[in-house]
PDB file of N, CA and C in Angstrom:
ATOM      1  N   UNK A   1      -8.385   3.951  51.693  1.00  0.00           N
ATOM      2  CA  UNK A   1      -9.469   4.761  51.175  1.00  0.00           C
ATOM      3  C   UNK A   1     -10.666   4.599  52.100  1.00  0.00           C
ATOM      4  N   UNK A   2     -11.277   5.686  52.477  1.00  0.00           N
ATOM      5  CA  UNK A   2     -12.377   5.652  53.435  1.00  0.00           C
ATOM      6  C   UNK A   2     -13.610   4.995  52.848  1.00  0.00           C
ATOM      7  N   UNK A   3     -13.839   5.129  51.595  1.00  0.00           N
ATOM      8  CA  UNK A   3     -15.005   4.515  50.975  1.00  0.00           C
ATOM      9  C   UNK A   3     -15.413   5.271  49.728  1.00  0.00           C
ATOM     10  N   UNK A   4     -16.372   4.731  49.040  1.00  0.00           N
ATOM     11  CA  UNK A   4     -16.849   5.318  47.805  1.00  0.00           C
ATOM     12  C   UNK A   4     -18.180   5.999  48.076  1.00  0.00           C
ATOM     13  N   UNK A   5     -18.419   7.123  47.486  1.00  0.00           N
ATOM     14  CA  UNK A   5     -19.715   7.776  47.693  1.00  0.00           C
ATOM     15  C   UNK A   5     -20.800   7.065  46.909  1.00  0.00           C
ATOM     16  N   UNK A   6     -22.002   7.095  47.443  1.00  0.00           N
ATOM     17  CA  UNK A   6     -23.146   6.620  46.676  1.00  0.00           C
ATOM     18  C   UNK A   6     -23.757   7.851  46.034  1.00  0.00           C
ATOM     19  N   UNK A   7     -23.397   8.115  44.787  1.00  0.00           N
ATOM     20  CA  UNK A   7     -23.791   9.342  44.120  1.00  0.00           C
ATOM     21  C   UNK A   7     -25.243   9.342  43.697  1.00  0.00           C
ATOM     22  N   UNK A   8     -25.894   8.216  43.730  1.00  0.00           N
ATOM     23  CA  UNK A   8     -27.289   8.175  43.335  1.00  0.00           C
ATOM     24  C   UNK A   8     -27.497   8.273  41.835  1.00  0.00           C
ATOM     25  N   UNK A   9     -26.440   8.442  41.069  1.00  0.00           N
ATOM     26  CA  UNK A   9     -26.572   8.593  39.629  1.00  0.00           C
ATOM     27  C   UNK A   9     -26.531   7.277  38.881  1.00  0.00           C
ATOM     28  N   UNK A  10     -26.195   6.210  39.566  1.00  0.00           N
ATOM     29  CA  UNK A  10     -26.146   4.917  38.895  1.00  0.00           C
ATOM     30  C   UNK A  10     -27.562   4.396  38.756  1.00  0.00           C
ATOM     31  N   UNK A  11     -27.813   3.666  37.711  1.00  0.00           N
ATOM     32  CA  UNK A  11     -29.173   3.199  37.451  1.00  0.00           C
ATOM     33  C   UNK A  11     -29.201   1.688  37.345  1.00  0.00           C
ATOM     34  N   UNK A  12     -30.401   1.148  37.249  1.00  0.00           N
ATOM     35  CA  UNK A  12     -30.581  -0.286  37.112  1.00  0.00           C
ATOM     36  C   UNK A  12     -30.001  -0.841  35.827  1.00  0.00           C
ATOM     37  N   UNK A  13     -29.720   0.022  34.857  1.00  0.00           N
ATOM     38  CA  UNK A  13     -29.137  -0.437  33.595  1.00  0.00           C
ATOM     39  C   UNK A  13     -27.691  -0.863  33.767  1.00  0.00           C
ATOM     40  N   UNK A  14     -27.087  -0.498  34.885  1.00  0.00           N
ATOM     41  CA  UNK A  14     -25.677  -0.776  35.106  1.00  0.00           C
ATOM     42  C   UNK A  14     -25.496  -1.406  36.486  1.00  0.00           C
ATOM     43  N   UNK A  15     -25.872  -2.688  36.637  1.00  0.00           N
ATOM     44  CA  UNK A  15     -25.854  -3.300  37.971  1.00  0.00           C
ATOM     45  C   UNK A  15     -24.471  -3.390  38.598  1.00  0.00           C
ATOM     46  N   UNK A  16     -23.415  -3.559  37.799  1.00  0.00           N
ATOM     47  CA  UNK A  16     -22.076  -3.661  38.382  1.00  0.00           C
ATOM     48  C   UNK A  16     -21.675  -2.358  39.050  1.00  0.00           C
ATOM     49  N   UNK A  17     -21.818  -1.251  38.356  1.00  0.00           N
ATOM     50  CA  UNK A  17     -21.439   0.021  38.973  1.00  0.00           C
ATOM     51  C   UNK A  17     -22.348   0.348  40.145  1.00  0.00           C
ATOM     52  N   UNK A  18     -23.600  -0.081  40.086  1.00  0.00           N
ATOM     53  CA  UNK A  18     -24.501   0.124  41.224  1.00  0.00           C
ATOM     54  C   UNK A  18     -23.946  -0.590  42.446  1.00  0.00           C
ATOM     55  N   UNK A  19     -23.523  -1.839  42.287  1.00  0.00           N
ATOM     56  CA  UNK A  19     -22.957  -2.598  43.412  1.00  0.00           C
ATOM     57  C   UNK A  19     -21.658  -1.973  43.891  1.00  0.00           C
ATOM     58  N   UNK A  20     -20.824  -1.531  42.958  1.00  0.00           N
ATOM     59  CA  UNK A  20     -19.532  -0.950  43.333  1.00  0.00           C
ATOM     60  C   UNK A  20     -19.725   0.267  44.217  1.00  0.00           C
ATOM     61  N   UNK A  21     -20.651   1.142  43.868  1.00  0.00           N
ATOM     62  CA  UNK A  21     -20.812   2.382  44.611  1.00  0.00           C
ATOM     63  C   UNK A  21     -21.675   2.221  45.851  1.00  0.00           C
ATOM     64  N   UNK A  22     -22.220   1.038  46.103  1.00  0.00           N
ATOM     65  CA  UNK A  22     -23.040   0.843  47.293  1.00  0.00           C
ATOM     66  C   UNK A  22     -22.263   0.255  48.455  1.00  0.00           C
ATOM     67  N   UNK A  23     -21.058  -0.231  48.251  1.00  0.00           N
ATOM     68  CA  UNK A  23     -20.320  -0.789  49.378  1.00  0.00           C
ATOM     69  C   UNK A  23     -19.056   0.011  49.638  1.00  0.00           C
ATOM     70  N   UNK A  24     -18.557  -0.119  50.850  1.00  0.00           N
ATOM     71  CA  UNK A  24     -17.360   0.616  51.253  1.00  0.00           C
ATOM     72  C   UNK A  24     -16.158  -0.296  51.079  1.00  0.00           C
ATOM     73  N   UNK A  25     -15.126   0.223  50.429  1.00  0.00           N
ATOM     74  CA  UNK A  25     -13.937  -0.579  50.152  1.00  0.00           C
ATOM     75  C   UNK A  25     -12.896  -0.279  51.223  1.00  0.00           C
ATOM     76  N   UNK A  26     -12.936  -1.037  52.309  1.00  0.00           N
ATOM     77  CA  UNK A  26     -11.963  -0.824  53.374  1.00  0.00           C
ATOM     78  C   UNK A  26     -10.902  -1.914  53.408  1.00  0.00           C
ATOM     79  N   UNK A  27     -11.242  -3.125  52.980  1.00  0.00           N
ATOM     80  CA  UNK A  27     -10.274  -4.208  53.108  1.00  0.00           C
ATOM     81  C   UNK A  27      -9.605  -4.587  51.792  1.00  0.00           C
ATOM     82  N   UNK A  28      -9.700  -3.761  50.776  1.00  0.00           N
ATOM     83  CA  UNK A  28      -9.042  -4.076  49.513  1.00  0.00           C
ATOM     84  C   UNK A  28      -7.672  -3.411  49.450  1.00  0.00           C
ATOM     85  N   UNK A  29      -6.760  -4.100  48.782  1.00  0.00           N
ATOM     86  CA  UNK A  29      -5.435  -3.515  48.557  1.00  0.00           C
ATOM     87  C   UNK A  29      -5.564  -2.397  47.519  1.00  0.00           C
ATOM     88  N   UNK A  30      -4.575  -1.537  47.413  1.00  0.00           N
ATOM     89  CA  UNK A  30      -4.629  -0.488  46.381  1.00  0.00           C
ATOM     90  C   UNK A  30      -4.795  -1.059  44.968  1.00  0.00           C
ATOM     91  N   UNK A  31      -4.177  -2.205  44.716  1.00  0.00           N
ATOM     92  CA  UNK A  31      -4.306  -2.828  43.396  1.00  0.00           C
ATOM     93  C   UNK A  31      -5.741  -3.285  43.158  1.00  0.00           C
ATOM     94  N   UNK A  32      -6.365  -3.880  44.185  1.00  0.00           N
ATOM     95  CA  UNK A  32      -7.750  -4.329  44.045  1.00  0.00           C
ATOM     96  C   UNK A  32      -8.694  -3.140  43.875  1.00  0.00           C
ATOM     97  N   UNK A  33      -8.453  -2.054  44.602  1.00  0.00           N
ATOM     98  CA  UNK A  33      -9.263  -0.845  44.449  1.00  0.00           C
ATOM     99  C   UNK A  33      -9.170  -0.325  43.019  1.00  0.00           C
ATOM    100  N   UNK A  34      -7.962  -0.344  42.448  1.00  0.00           N
ATOM    101  CA  UNK A  34      -7.767   0.135  41.079  1.00  0.00           C
ATOM    102  C   UNK A  34      -8.531  -0.735  40.089  1.00  0.00           C
ATOM    103  N   UNK A  35      -8.536  -2.036  40.311  1.00  0.00           N
ATOM    104  CA  UNK A  35      -9.261  -2.952  39.423  1.00  0.00           C
ATOM    105  C   UNK A  35     -10.757  -2.696  39.507  1.00  0.00           C
ATOM    106  N   UNK A  36     -11.281  -2.555  40.725  1.00  0.00           N
ATOM    107  CA  UNK A  36     -12.713  -2.292  40.909  1.00  0.00           C
ATOM    108  C   UNK A  36     -13.099  -0.987  40.215  1.00  0.00           C
ATOM    109  N   UNK A  37     -12.284   0.041  40.391  1.00  0.00           N
ATOM    110  CA  UNK A  37     -12.567   1.325  39.759  1.00  0.00           C
ATOM    111  C   UNK A  37     -12.524   1.208  38.237  1.00  0.00           C
ATOM    112  N   UNK A  38     -11.523   0.509  37.715  1.00  0.00           N
ATOM    113  CA  UNK A  38     -11.400   0.348  36.262  1.00  0.00           C
ATOM    114  C   UNK A  38     -12.601  -0.396  35.684  1.00  0.00           C
ATOM    115  N   UNK A  39     -13.039  -1.443  36.353  1.00  0.00           N
ATOM    116  CA  UNK A  39     -14.196  -2.210  35.874  1.00  0.00           C
ATOM    117  C   UNK A  39     -15.454  -1.349  35.931  1.00  0.00           C
ATOM    118  N   UNK A  40     -15.619  -0.591  37.004  1.00  0.00           N
ATOM    119  CA  UNK A  40     -16.792   0.277  37.124  1.00  0.00           C
ATOM    120  C   UNK A  40     -16.816   1.330  36.015  1.00  0.00           C
ATOM    121  N   UNK A  41     -15.666   1.935  35.746  1.00  0.00           N
ATOM    122  CA  UNK A  41     -15.585   2.935  34.681  1.00  0.00           C
ATOM    123  C   UNK A  41     -15.878   2.296  33.331  1.00  0.00           C
ATOM    124  N   UNK A  42     -15.314   1.115  33.085  1.00  0.00           N
ATOM    125  CA  UNK A  42     -15.563   0.398  31.832  1.00  0.00           C
ATOM    126  C   UNK A  42     -17.053   0.131  31.650  1.00  0.00           C
ATOM    127  N   UNK A  43     -17.712  -0.353  32.705  1.00  0.00           N
ATOM    128  CA  UNK A  43     -19.146  -0.647  32.628  1.00  0.00           C
ATOM    129  C   UNK A  43     -19.955   0.622  32.363  1.00  0.00           C
ATOM    130  N   UNK A  44     -19.582   1.723  32.991  1.00  0.00           N
ATOM    131  CA  UNK A  44     -20.310   2.980  32.778  1.00  0.00           C
ATOM    132  C   UNK A  44     -20.136   3.475  31.348  1.00  0.00           C
ATOM    133  N   UNK A  45     -18.912   3.377  30.822  1.00  0.00           N
ATOM    134  CA  UNK A  45     -18.658   3.801  29.445  1.00  0.00           C
ATOM    135  C   UNK A  45     -19.431   2.911  28.478  1.00  0.00           C
ATOM    136  N   UNK A  46     -19.435   1.613  28.726  1.00  0.00           N
ATOM    137  CA  UNK A  46     -20.165   0.678  27.859  1.00  0.00           C
ATOM    138  C   UNK A  46     -21.654   0.996  27.858  1.00  0.00           C
ATOM    139  N   UNK A  47     -22.210   1.316  29.012  1.00  0.00           N
ATOM    140  CA  UNK A  47     -23.647   1.588  29.078  1.00  0.00           C
ATOM    141  C   UNK A  47     -23.992   2.888  28.351  1.00  0.00           C
ATOM    142  N   UNK A  48     -23.073   3.847  28.316  1.00  0.00           N
ATOM    143  CA  UNK A  48     -23.313   5.111  27.602  1.00  0.00           C
ATOM    144  C   UNK A  48     -23.157   4.932  26.100  1.00  0.00           C
ATOM    145  N   UNK A  49     -22.364   3.948  25.665  1.00  0.00           N
ATOM    146  CA  UNK A  49     -22.093   3.737  24.243  1.00  0.00           C
ATOM    147  C   UNK A  49     -23.254   3.051  23.536  1.00  0.00           C
ATOM    148  N   UNK A  50     -24.132   2.435  24.284  1.00  0.00           N
ATOM    149  CA  UNK A  50     -25.237   1.671  23.678  1.00  0.00           C
ATOM    150  C   UNK A  50     -26.379   2.571  23.313  1.00  0.00           C
TER     151      UNK A  50
END
Protein backbone atom coordinates (compact mmCIF):
# COMPACT_ATOMS: atom_id res chain seq x y z
CA UNK A 1 0.00 0.00 0.00
CA UNK A 2 1.45 3.35 -1.00
CA UNK A 3 0.16 5.15 2.06
CA UNK A 4 -2.85 6.63 3.75
CA UNK A 5 -4.24 10.01 2.82
CA UNK A 6 -4.31 12.78 5.36
CA UNK A 7 -7.94 13.76 4.85
CA UNK A 8 -7.81 16.63 7.29
CA UNK A 9 -11.12 15.49 8.77
CA UNK A 10 -9.65 13.95 11.88
CA UNK A 11 -9.77 16.12 14.96
CA UNK A 12 -8.02 16.43 18.30
CA UNK A 13 -10.88 14.47 19.88
CA UNK A 14 -9.56 11.33 18.22
CA UNK A 15 -5.76 11.24 18.66
CA UNK A 16 -5.34 7.62 17.52
CA UNK A 17 -6.97 8.13 14.14
CA UNK A 18 -5.07 11.41 13.80
CA UNK A 19 -1.78 9.53 14.23
CA UNK A 20 -2.89 6.73 11.91
CA UNK A 21 -3.68 9.07 9.03
CA UNK A 22 -0.53 11.17 9.46
CA UNK A 23 2.02 8.46 8.73
CA UNK A 24 2.67 6.33 5.67
CA UNK A 25 2.33 2.59 6.12
CA UNK A 26 5.06 1.14 3.92
CA UNK A 27 6.70 -1.44 6.15
CA UNK A 28 3.63 -3.13 7.62
CA UNK A 29 2.41 -6.54 6.56
CA UNK A 30 -1.13 -6.79 5.15
CA UNK A 31 -2.27 -8.21 8.49
CA UNK A 32 -0.77 -5.27 10.40
CA UNK A 33 -2.36 -2.80 7.96
CA UNK A 34 -5.74 -4.47 8.56
CA UNK A 35 -5.31 -4.17 12.33
CA UNK A 36 -4.34 -0.48 12.11
CA UNK A 37 -7.35 0.21 9.88
CA UNK A 38 -9.71 -1.71 12.18
CA UNK A 39 -8.49 0.17 15.26
CA UNK A 40 -8.78 3.52 13.48
CA UNK A 41 -12.34 2.74 12.37
CA UNK A 42 -13.25 1.57 15.88
CA UNK A 43 -11.88 4.79 17.40
CA UNK A 44 -13.78 6.93 14.87
CA UNK A 45 -17.04 5.08 15.54
CA UNK A 46 -16.53 5.39 19.30
CA UNK A 47 -15.93 9.13 19.03
CA UNK A 48 -19.15 9.57 17.00
CA UNK A 49 -21.18 7.51 19.52
CA UNK A 50 -20.37 9.83 22.42
